[in-house]
Amino acid sequence: MNRLAAALAAALSFSVHADNTAVDYSDLWWNPAHGGWGLGLDRQADVMFATLFIYADDGSATWLSASAVQATNAGQTSWSGKLYRSTGPGFASAFDPSSVGVAEVGTLRVDFSATQKGTLTYSVDGKSVAEPIERITLRAPSAAGAYHGGISATASGCDDDSFKGGFDVLGPFTASQSGSHVAIAFATAPGDVPSSCSFTGDYSQSGRLGRIQGNWLCSFYFALDPRVGTFTLDDVVVTANGFAGRLSAKDQDCNYDGRVGAVRDP
């Protein structure tokens, strides 16, 4: 790990719009107590597009949108934007662009208290609503597969100061899954300084993001004895291209924060 590059990157991340390491809140959200309505969020760079599907006073389905929802704080946990109502030709009619209308009807704000939940506050035609929201979970993907990747993390709070700092363990990476139980193993590529890790834990899903919590065992090139402890892998995303998550762990000497990621083998 290049410490100078990391320091420069941190120094240059002065804008709330420049941080791509913040949580991605793109997902479908709802209040489970109020079925039939919801919020869709899709983030691209420093903006999110929001779609709000609710009911009007007469009970008819209503669709509103906000096309420029932006972060309002450095931690990117609060986002807000103007809310619009769109009208146009019927879905079964010939499309006439000149009949499309967009009118500003209020504002939309989302304050996230955690990766998986938050509060949606919006106003429409002078009426304000506040709703607790959480990610909608439809299915949990399987993490099983063969990959190439590993861990990039920083050790801190160590009893032995020589352990502190950044390190990488990169090479072949495999994951197996049975029900909610997941086992991950990876090691350095042949020819590199030998290191290996295994993680075993339970997988849970919240919307498009997963979480794995359990125990880990690692043999690092910088330590004489194996590292044994507990871990949480948050914001896990499994796709056709690979596997990624945010690591928080501890062992008998240190705390670790970093990333786990891998490209799926063809």
C-alpha atoms as a PDB file:
ATOM      1  CA  MET A   1       0.000   0.000   0.000  1.00  0.00           C
ATOM      2  CA  ASN A   2       1.403   3.394  -0.949  1.00  0.00           C
ATOM      3  CA  ARG A   3       1.054   5.545   2.179  1.00  0.00           C
ATOM      4  CA  LEU A   4       1.963   8.761   0.307  1.00  0.00           C
ATOM      5  CA  ALA A   5      -0.787   8.139  -2.240  1.00  0.00           C
ATOM      6  CA  ALA A   6      -3.270   7.486   0.550  1.00  0.00           C
ATOM      7  CA  ALA A   7      -2.291  10.687   2.320  1.00  0.00           C
ATOM      8  CA  LEU A   8      -2.632  12.726  -0.853  1.00  0.00           C
ATOM      9  CA  ALA A   9      -6.042  11.202  -1.566  1.00  0.00           C
ATOM     10  CA  ALA A  10      -7.227  12.119   1.925  1.00  0.00           C
ATOM     11  CA  ALA A  11      -5.940  15.666   1.576  1.00  0.00           C
ATOM     12  CA  LEU A  12      -7.719  16.157  -1.725  1.00  0.00           C
ATOM     13  CA  SER A  13     -11.074  14.800  -0.485  1.00  0.00           C
ATOM     14  CA  PHE A  14     -12.228  18.197   0.764  1.00  0.00           C
ATOM     15  CA  SER A  15     -15.597  18.307  -1.006  1.00  0.00           C
ATOM     16  CA  VAL A  16     -18.704  16.366   0.034  1.00  0.00           C
ATOM     17  CA  HIS A  17     -19.069  15.560  -3.673  1.00  0.00           C
ATOM     18  CA  ALA A  18     -15.575  14.082  -4.070  1.00  0.00           C
ATOM     19  CA  ASP A  19     -15.889  11.106  -1.718  1.00  0.00           C
ATOM     20  CA  ASN A  20     -16.760   7.911  -3.575  1.00  0.00           C
ATOM     21  CA  THR A  21     -16.125   5.775  -0.466  1.00  0.00           C
ATOM     22  CA  ALA A  22     -19.360   6.828   1.262  1.00  0.00           C
ATOM     23  CA  VAL A  23     -22.259   4.385   1.539  1.00  0.00           C
ATOM     24  CA  ASP A  24     -24.215   3.932  -1.684  1.00  0.00           C
ATOM     25  CA  TYR A  25     -27.875   4.394  -0.782  1.00  0.00           C
ATOM     26  CA  SER A  26     -29.106   3.330  -4.224  1.00  0.00           C
ATOM     27  CA  ASP A  27     -31.992   0.948  -3.563  1.00  0.00           C
ATOM     28  CA  LEU A  28     -35.731   0.557  -3.087  1.00  0.00           C
ATOM     29  CA  TRP A  29     -36.895   1.860   0.317  1.00  0.00           C
ATOM     30  CA  TRP A  30     -40.157   1.701   2.257  1.00  0.00           C
ATOM     31  CA  ASN A  31     -41.916   1.826   5.600  1.00  0.00           C
ATOM     32  CA  PRO A  32     -43.057  -1.793   6.169  1.00  0.00           C
ATOM     33  CA  ALA A  33     -46.046  -0.504   8.141  1.00  0.00           C
ATOM     34  CA  HIS A  34     -47.312   1.367   5.075  1.00  0.00           C
ATOM     35  CA  GLY A  35     -47.424  -1.194   2.270  1.00  0.00           C
ATOM     36  CA  GLY A  36     -48.026  -0.137  -1.309  1.00  0.00           C
ATOM     37  CA  TRP A  37     -45.826   2.950  -1.349  1.00  0.00           C
ATOM     38  CA  GLY A  38     -42.070   3.380  -1.574  1.00  0.00           C
ATOM     39  CA  LEU A  39     -39.000   5.362  -2.536  1.00  0.00           C
ATOM     40  CA  GLY A  40     -36.484   4.538  -5.247  1.00  0.00           C
ATOM     41  CA  LEU A  41     -32.985   6.035  -5.061  1.00  0.00           C
ATOM     42  CA  ASP A  42     -30.268   5.774  -7.679  1.00  0.00           C
ATOM     43  CA  ARG A  43     -26.916   7.473  -7.144  1.00  0.00           C
ATOM     44  CA  GLN A  44     -24.609   8.621  -9.924  1.00  0.00           C
ATOM     45  CA  ALA A  45     -21.467  10.493  -8.791  1.00  0.00           C
ATOM     46  CA  ASP A  46     -22.620  13.400  -6.573  1.00  0.00           C
ATOM     47  CA  VAL A  47     -26.378  13.217  -7.245  1.00  0.00           C
ATOM     48  CA  MET A  48     -29.245  10.835  -6.628  1.00  0.00           C
ATOM     49  CA  PHE A  49     -32.434  10.475  -8.637  1.00  0.00           C
ATOM     50  CA  ALA A  50     -35.449   9.818  -6.417  1.00  0.00           C
ATOM     51  CA  THR A  51     -38.815   8.354  -7.383  1.00  0.00           C
ATOM     52  CA  LEU A  52     -41.602   8.527  -4.821  1.00  0.00           C
ATOM     53  CA  PHE A  53     -44.654   6.341  -5.404  1.00  0.00           C
ATOM     54  CA  ILE A  54     -47.448   7.257  -2.992  1.00  0.00           C
ATOM     55  CA  TYR A  55     -51.224   7.806  -2.900  1.00  0.00           C
ATOM     56  CA  ALA A  56     -53.054  11.089  -3.459  1.00  0.00           C
ATOM     57  CA  ASP A  57     -55.837  12.353  -1.165  1.00  0.00           C
ATOM     58  CA  ASP A  58     -58.395  10.564  -3.346  1.00  0.00           C
ATOM     59  CA  GLY A  59     -56.504   7.254  -3.053  1.00  0.00           C
ATOM     60  CA  SER A  60     -55.160   7.270  -6.614  1.00  0.00           C
ATOM     61  CA  ALA A  61     -51.596   6.197  -7.300  1.00  0.00           C
ATOM     62  CA  THR A  62     -49.213   9.160  -7.517  1.00  0.00           C
ATOM     63  CA  TRP A  63     -45.674   9.282  -8.849  1.00  0.00           C
ATOM     64  CA  LEU A  64     -43.273  12.111  -7.965  1.00  0.00           C
ATOM     65  CA  SER A  65     -39.591  12.540  -8.724  1.00  0.00           C
ATOM     66  CA  ALA A  66     -36.506  14.521  -7.739  1.00  0.00           C
ATOM     67  CA  SER A  67     -33.706  14.560 -10.288  1.00  0.00           C
ATOM     68  CA  ALA A  68     -30.989  16.465  -8.409  1.00  0.00           C
ATOM     69  CA  VAL A  69     -30.880  15.162  -4.843  1.00  0.00           C
ATOM     70  CA  GLN A  70     -27.504  16.088  -3.346  1.00  0.00           C
ATOM     71  CA  ALA A  71     -25.650  15.566  -0.075  1.00  0.00           C
ATOM     72  CA  THR A  72     -25.928  18.390   2.427  1.00  0.00           C
ATOM     73  CA  ASN A  73     -23.245  17.281   4.895  1.00  0.00           C
ATOM     74  CA  ALA A  74     -19.664  16.048   4.713  1.00  0.00           C
ATOM     75  CA  GLY A  75     -20.607  12.552   5.870  1.00  0.00           C
ATOM     76  CA  GLN A  76     -23.115  12.235   3.021  1.00  0.00           C
ATOM     77  CA  THR A  77     -25.818  10.959   5.381  1.00  0.00           C
ATOM     78  CA  SER A  78     -28.291  13.755   4.558  1.00  0.00           C
ATOM     79  CA  TRP A  79     -29.594  14.403   1.032  1.00  0.00           C
ATOM     80  CA  SER A  80     -32.188  16.831  -0.283  1.00  0.00           C
ATOM     81  CA  GLY A  81     -33.692  18.178  -3.497  1.00  0.00           C
ATOM     82  CA  LYS A  82     -36.758  19.641  -5.155  1.00  0.00           C
ATOM     83  CA  LEU A  83     -39.739  17.390  -5.777  1.00  0.00           C
ATOM     84  CA  TYR A  84     -41.679  17.417  -9.054  1.00  0.00           C
ATOM     85  CA  ARG A  85     -44.932  16.076 -10.478  1.00  0.00           C
ATOM     86  CA  SER A  86     -44.866  15.023 -14.133  1.00  0.00           C
ATOM     87  CA  THR A  87     -47.836  14.702 -16.488  1.00  0.00           C
ATOM     88  CA  GLY A  88     -48.046  13.459 -20.053  1.00  0.00           C
ATOM     89  CA  PRO A  89     -49.875  11.293 -22.554  1.00  0.00           C
ATOM     90  CA  GLY A  90     -51.418   7.985 -21.478  1.00  0.00           C
ATOM     91  CA  PHE A  91     -49.189   4.915 -21.632  1.00  0.00           C
ATOM     92  CA  ALA A  92     -51.290   3.355 -24.412  1.00  0.00           C
ATOM     93  CA  SER A  93     -51.465   6.582 -26.450  1.00  0.00           C
ATOM     94  CA  ALA A  94     -49.105   7.887 -29.100  1.00  0.00           C
ATOM     95  CA  PHE A  95     -46.330   9.775 -27.336  1.00  0.00           C
ATOM     96  CA  ASP A  96     -46.437  13.531 -27.849  1.00  0.00           C
ATOM     97  CA  PRO A  97     -43.403  15.280 -26.262  1.00  0.00           C
ATOM     98  CA  SER A  98     -45.234  18.612 -26.288  1.00  0.00           C
ATOM     99  CA  SER A  99     -47.833  17.261 -23.850  1.00  0.00           C
ATOM    100  CA  VAL A 100     -45.278  16.444 -21.146  1.00  0.00           C
ATOM    101  CA  GLY A 101     -45.378  18.807 -18.184  1.00  0.00           C
ATOM    102  CA  VAL A 102     -43.244  19.072 -15.059  1.00  0.00           C
ATOM    103  CA  ALA A 103     -44.274  21.152 -12.036  1.00  0.00           C
ATOM    104  CA  GLU A 104     -42.392  21.727  -8.780  1.00  0.00           C
ATOM    105  CA  VAL A 105     -44.605  20.600  -5.887  1.00  0.00           C
ATOM    106  CA  GLY A 106     -42.293  20.604  -2.858  1.00  0.00           C
ATOM    107  CA  THR A 107     -39.084  19.208  -1.429  1.00  0.00           C
ATOM    108  CA  LEU A 108     -37.624  15.817  -0.503  1.00  0.00           C
ATOM    109  CA  ARG A 109     -35.051  15.100   2.193  1.00  0.00           C
ATOM    110  CA  VAL A 110     -33.553  11.828   3.377  1.00  0.00           C
ATOM    111  CA  ASP A 111     -31.519  11.520   6.584  1.00  0.00           C
ATOM    112  CA  PHE A 112     -29.784   8.162   6.943  1.00  0.00           C
ATOM    113  CA  SER A 113     -29.120   7.013  10.515  1.00  0.00           C
ATOM    114  CA  ALA A 114     -27.453   3.794   9.318  1.00  0.00           C
ATOM    115  CA  THR A 115     -26.607   1.967   6.113  1.00  0.00           C
ATOM    116  CA  GLN A 116     -29.964   0.177   6.208  1.00  0.00           C
ATOM    117  CA  LYS A 117     -32.372   2.822   7.560  1.00  0.00           C
ATOM    118  CA  GLY A 118     -33.243   6.483   7.749  1.00  0.00           C
ATOM    119  CA  THR A 119     -36.010   9.083   7.727  1.00  0.00           C
ATOM    120  CA  LEU A 120     -37.727  10.432   4.628  1.00  0.00           C
ATOM    121  CA  THR A 121     -39.261  13.905   4.912  1.00  0.00           C
ATOM    122  CA  TYR A 122     -41.141  15.400   1.991  1.00  0.00           C
ATOM    123  CA  SER A 123     -43.687  18.089   1.217  1.00  0.00           C
ATOM    124  CA  VAL A 124     -46.277  18.045  -1.575  1.00  0.00           C
ATOM    125  CA  ASP A 125     -48.563  21.000  -2.290  1.00  0.00           C
ATOM    126  CA  GLY A 126     -47.955  22.425   1.177  1.00  0.00           C
ATOM    127  CA  LYS A 127     -48.482  19.169   3.095  1.00  0.00           C
ATOM    128  CA  SER A 128     -45.486  17.632   4.917  1.00  0.00           C
ATOM    129  CA  VAL A 129     -44.867  13.971   5.739  1.00  0.00           C
ATOM    130  CA  ALA A 130     -42.078  12.235   7.679  1.00  0.00           C
ATOM    131  CA  GLU A 131     -41.616   8.462   7.387  1.00  0.00           C
ATOM    132  CA  PRO A 132     -39.074   5.994   8.815  1.00  0.00           C
ATOM    133  CA  ILE A 133     -37.648   3.992   5.918  1.00  0.00           C
ATOM    134  CA  GLU A 134     -35.565   0.872   5.401  1.00  0.00           C
ATOM    135  CA  ARG A 135     -34.262  -1.010   2.398  1.00  0.00           C
ATOM    136  CA  ILE A 136     -36.657  -3.412   0.675  1.00  0.00           C
ATOM    137  CA  THR A 137     -35.209  -6.929   0.603  1.00  0.00           C
ATOM    138  CA  LEU A 138     -36.474  -9.165  -2.185  1.00  0.00           C
ATOM    139  CA  ARG A 139     -33.758 -11.814  -2.521  1.00  0.00           C
ATOM    140  CA  ALA A 140     -30.246 -12.496  -1.213  1.00  0.00           C
ATOM    141  CA  PRO A 141     -27.611 -13.350  -3.847  1.00  0.00           C
ATOM    142  CA  SER A 142     -25.197 -16.208  -3.298  1.00  0.00           C
ATOM    143  CA  ALA A 143     -21.608 -15.175  -2.626  1.00  0.00           C
ATOM    144  CA  ALA A 144     -20.282 -18.579  -3.703  1.00  0.00           C
ATOM    145  CA  GLY A 145     -17.679 -18.566  -6.444  1.00  0.00           C
ATOM    146  CA  ALA A 146     -14.031 -18.385  -7.431  1.00  0.00           C
ATOM    147  CA  TYR A 147     -12.439 -14.957  -7.545  1.00  0.00           C
ATOM    148  CA  HIS A 148      -9.118 -13.136  -7.600  1.00  0.00           C
ATOM    149  CA  GLY A 149      -8.693 -10.417  -5.009  1.00  0.00           C
ATOM    150  CA  GLY A 150      -8.258 -10.112  -1.270  1.00  0.00           C
ATOM    151  CA  ILE A 151      -7.993  -7.587   1.538  1.00  0.00           C
ATOM    152  CA  SER A 152      -6.588  -4.062   1.745  1.00  0.00           C
ATOM    153  CA  ALA A 153      -6.722  -2.717   5.286  1.00  0.00           C
ATOM    154  CA  THR A 154      -5.088  -0.641   8.005  1.00  0.00           C
ATOM    155  CA  ALA A 155      -4.151  -2.002  11.424  1.00  0.00           C
ATOM    156  CA  SER A 156      -4.446   0.303  14.447  1.00  0.00           C
ATOM    157  CA  GLY A 157      -4.526   0.140  18.237  1.00  0.00           C
ATOM    158  CA  CYS A 158      -1.942  -2.642  18.206  1.00  0.00           C
ATOM    159  CA  ASP A 159       0.046  -3.690  21.268  1.00  0.00           C
ATOM    160  CA  ASP A 160       3.038  -4.076  18.953  1.00  0.00           C
ATOM    161  CA  ASP A 161       3.661  -0.830  17.057  1.00  0.00           C
ATOM    162  CA  SER A 162       5.369  -2.745  14.248  1.00  0.00           C
ATOM    163  CA  PHE A 163       1.943  -4.165  13.264  1.00  0.00           C
ATOM    164  CA  LYS A 164       0.390  -0.746  12.729  1.00  0.00           C
ATOM    165  CA  GLY A 165      -0.201   0.616   9.227  1.00  0.00           C
ATOM    166  CA  GLY A 166      -1.543  -0.489   5.891  1.00  0.00           C
ATOM    167  CA  PHE A 167      -1.186  -3.895   4.299  1.00  0.00           C
ATOM    168  CA  ASP A 168      -2.553  -5.936   1.379  1.00  0.00           C
ATOM    169  CA  VAL A 169      -3.205  -9.655   0.953  1.00  0.00           C
ATOM    170  CA  LEU A 170      -4.028 -10.289  -2.693  1.00  0.00           C
ATOM    171  CA  GLY A 171      -4.372 -13.499  -4.669  1.00  0.00           C
ATOM    172  CA  PRO A 172      -6.783 -16.398  -5.327  1.00  0.00           C
ATOM    173  CA  PHE A 173     -10.087 -15.915  -3.459  1.00  0.00           C
ATOM    174  CA  THR A 174     -12.867 -18.455  -2.964  1.00  0.00           C
ATOM    175  CA  ALA A 175     -16.270 -18.233  -1.280  1.00  0.00           C
ATOM    176  CA  SER A 176     -18.715 -21.000  -0.424  1.00  0.00           C
ATOM    177  CA  GLN A 177     -22.221 -20.632   0.973  1.00  0.00           C
ATOM    178  CA  SER A 178     -24.727 -23.005   2.556  1.00  0.00           C
ATOM    179  CA  GLY A 179     -27.922 -21.281   3.601  1.00  0.00           C
ATOM    180  CA  SER A 180     -26.856 -18.185   5.531  1.00  0.00           C
ATOM    181  CA  HIS A 181     -23.406 -19.593   6.381  1.00  0.00           C
ATOM    182  CA  VAL A 182     -20.533 -18.203   4.310  1.00  0.00           C
ATOM    183  CA  ALA A 183     -16.870 -19.271   4.230  1.00  0.00           C
ATOM    184  CA  ILE A 184     -14.257 -17.130   2.480  1.00  0.00           C
ATOM    185  CA  ALA A 185     -10.595 -18.016   1.953  1.00  0.00           C
ATOM    186  CA  PHE A 186      -7.826 -16.225   0.113  1.00  0.00           C
ATOM    187  CA  ALA A 187      -4.044 -16.170  -0.022  1.00  0.00           C
ATOM    188  CA  THR A 188      -1.269 -14.221  -1.658  1.00  0.00           C
ATOM    189  CA  ALA A 189      -0.417 -15.133  -5.234  1.00  0.00           C
ATOM    190  CA  PRO A 190       2.497 -17.547  -5.786  1.00  0.00           C
ATOM    191  CA  GLY A 191       5.813 -15.723  -5.517  1.00  0.00           C
ATOM    192  CA  ASP A 192       4.534 -13.010  -3.160  1.00  0.00           C
ATOM    193  CA  VAL A 193       5.286 -12.818   0.572  1.00  0.00           C
ATOM    194  CA  PRO A 194       3.106 -15.621   2.044  1.00  0.00           C
ATOM    195  CA  SER A 195      -0.147 -14.594   3.750  1.00  0.00           C
ATOM    196  CA  SER A 196      -3.545 -16.249   3.945  1.00  0.00           C
ATOM    197  CA  CYS A 197      -6.946 -15.605   5.531  1.00  0.00           C
ATOM    198  CA  SER A 198     -10.171 -17.451   6.186  1.00  0.00           C
ATOM    199  CA  PHE A 199     -13.454 -15.852   7.236  1.00  0.00           C
ATOM    200  CA  THR A 200     -16.536 -17.807   8.381  1.00  0.00           C
ATOM    201  CA  GLY A 201     -19.820 -16.252   9.399  1.00  0.00           C
ATOM    202  CA  ASP A 202     -23.522 -15.681   8.858  1.00  0.00           C
ATOM    203  CA  TYR A 203     -24.846 -13.696   5.921  1.00  0.00           C
ATOM    204  CA  SER A 204     -27.835 -11.338   6.110  1.00  0.00           C
ATOM    205  CA  GLN A 205     -29.350  -9.115   3.432  1.00  0.00           C
ATOM    206  CA  SER A 206     -30.814  -5.598   3.544  1.00  0.00           C
ATOM    207  CA  GLY A 207     -31.948  -4.419   0.126  1.00  0.00           C
ATOM    208  CA  ARG A 208     -29.068  -4.694  -2.324  1.00  0.00           C
ATOM    209  CA  LEU A 209     -26.417  -4.776   0.444  1.00  0.00           C
ATOM    210  CA  GLY A 210     -25.356  -7.742   2.540  1.00  0.00           C
ATOM    211  CA  ARG A 211     -23.553  -8.232   5.842  1.00  0.00           C
ATOM    212  CA  ILE A 212     -21.352 -11.083   7.056  1.00  0.00           C
ATOM    213  CA  GLN A 213     -20.436 -11.414  10.743  1.00  0.00           C
ATOM    214  CA  GLY A 214     -18.284 -14.118  12.277  1.00  0.00           C
ATOM    215  CA  ASN A 215     -14.736 -15.247  13.022  1.00  0.00           C
ATOM    216  CA  TRP A 216     -11.513 -14.954  11.091  1.00  0.00           C
ATOM    217  CA  LEU A 217      -8.076 -16.556  11.082  1.00  0.00           C
ATOM    218  CA  CYS A 218      -5.175 -14.986   9.199  1.00  0.00           C
ATOM    219  CA  SER A 219      -1.479 -15.676   8.825  1.00  0.00           C
ATOM    220  CA  PHE A 220       0.079 -12.352   7.855  1.00  0.00           C
ATOM    221  CA  TYR A 221       3.580 -11.843   6.553  1.00  0.00           C
ATOM    222  CA  PHE A 222       4.245  -9.217   9.262  1.00  0.00           C
ATOM    223  CA  ALA A 223       3.242 -11.372  12.260  1.00  0.00           C
ATOM    224  CA  LEU A 224       4.901 -14.519  13.651  1.00  0.00           C
ATOM    225  CA  ASP A 225       1.723 -15.991  15.139  1.00  0.00           C
ATOM    226  CA  PRO A 226      -1.712 -16.381  13.469  1.00  0.00           C
ATOM    227  CA  ARG A 227      -4.228 -13.551  13.848  1.00  0.00           C
ATOM    228  CA  VAL A 228      -7.500 -14.799  15.376  1.00  0.00           C
ATOM    229  CA  GLY A 229     -10.585 -12.690  16.036  1.00  0.00           C
ATOM    230  CA  THR A 230     -14.008 -11.466  14.959  1.00  0.00           C
ATOM    231  CA  PHE A 231     -15.086  -9.475  11.916  1.00  0.00           C
ATOM    232  CA  THR A 232     -17.974  -7.687  10.259  1.00  0.00           C
ATOM    233  CA  LEU A 233     -18.104  -7.291   6.499  1.00  0.00           C
ATOM    234  CA  ASP A 234     -20.638  -4.565   5.713  1.00  0.00           C
ATOM    235  CA  ASP A 235     -22.072  -3.119   2.494  1.00  0.00           C
ATOM    236  CA  VAL A 236     -21.443  -6.428   0.719  1.00  0.00           C
ATOM    237  CA  VAL A 237     -22.293  -6.369  -2.977  1.00  0.00           C
ATOM    238  CA  VAL A 238     -22.218  -9.571  -5.045  1.00  0.00           C
ATOM    239  CA  THR A 239     -22.572  -9.237  -8.817  1.00  0.00           C
ATOM    240  CA  ALA A 240     -21.762 -11.165 -11.966  1.00  0.00           C
ATOM    241  CA  ASN A 241     -18.431  -9.320 -11.996  1.00  0.00           C
ATOM    242  CA  GLY A 242     -17.277  -9.823  -8.434  1.00  0.00           C
ATOM    243  CA  PHE A 243     -17.560  -9.376  -4.702  1.00  0.00           C
ATOM    244  CA  ALA A 244     -16.861  -6.355  -2.470  1.00  0.00           C
ATOM    245  CA  GLY A 245     -17.428  -5.214   1.111  1.00  0.00           C
ATOM    246  CA  ARG A 246     -16.221  -2.944   3.905  1.00  0.00           C
ATOM    247  CA  LEU A 247     -14.206  -4.708   6.617  1.00  0.00           C
ATOM    248  CA  SER A 248     -14.120  -4.027  10.350  1.00  0.00           C
ATOM    249  CA  ALA A 249     -12.249  -6.599  12.443  1.00  0.00           C
ATOM    250  CA  LYS A 250     -10.185  -7.202  15.534  1.00  0.00           C
ATOM    251  CA  ASP A 251      -7.793  -9.861  16.789  1.00  0.00           C
ATOM    252  CA  GLN A 252      -5.677 -10.464  19.884  1.00  0.00           C
ATOM    253  CA  ASP A 253      -3.565  -7.359  19.218  1.00  0.00           C
ATOM    254  CA  CYS A 254      -5.099  -4.972  16.663  1.00  0.00           C
ATOM    255  CA  ASN A 255      -8.179  -3.409  15.127  1.00  0.00           C
ATOM    256  CA  TYR A 256      -8.543  -3.464  11.339  1.00  0.00           C
ATOM    257  CA  ASP A 257     -10.485  -1.288   8.925  1.00  0.00           C
ATOM    258  CA  GLY A 258     -10.440  -1.663   5.166  1.00  0.00           C
ATOM    259  CA  ARG A 259     -11.962  -3.330   2.153  1.00  0.00           C
ATOM    260  CA  VAL A 260     -12.398  -6.855   0.873  1.00  0.00           C
ATOM    261  CA  GLY A 261     -12.951  -7.250  -2.839  1.00  0.00           C
ATOM    262  CA  ALA A 262     -12.398  -9.595  -5.747  1.00  0.00           C
ATOM    263  CA  VAL A 263     -13.053 -10.044  -9.443  1.00  0.00           C
ATOM    264  CA  ARG A 264     -14.973 -13.180 -10.350  1.00  0.00           C
ATOM    265  CA  ASP A 265     -12.978 -15.755 -12.303  1.00  0.00           C
ATOM    266  CA  PRO A 266     -14.211 -16.256 -15.892  1.00  0.00           C
END
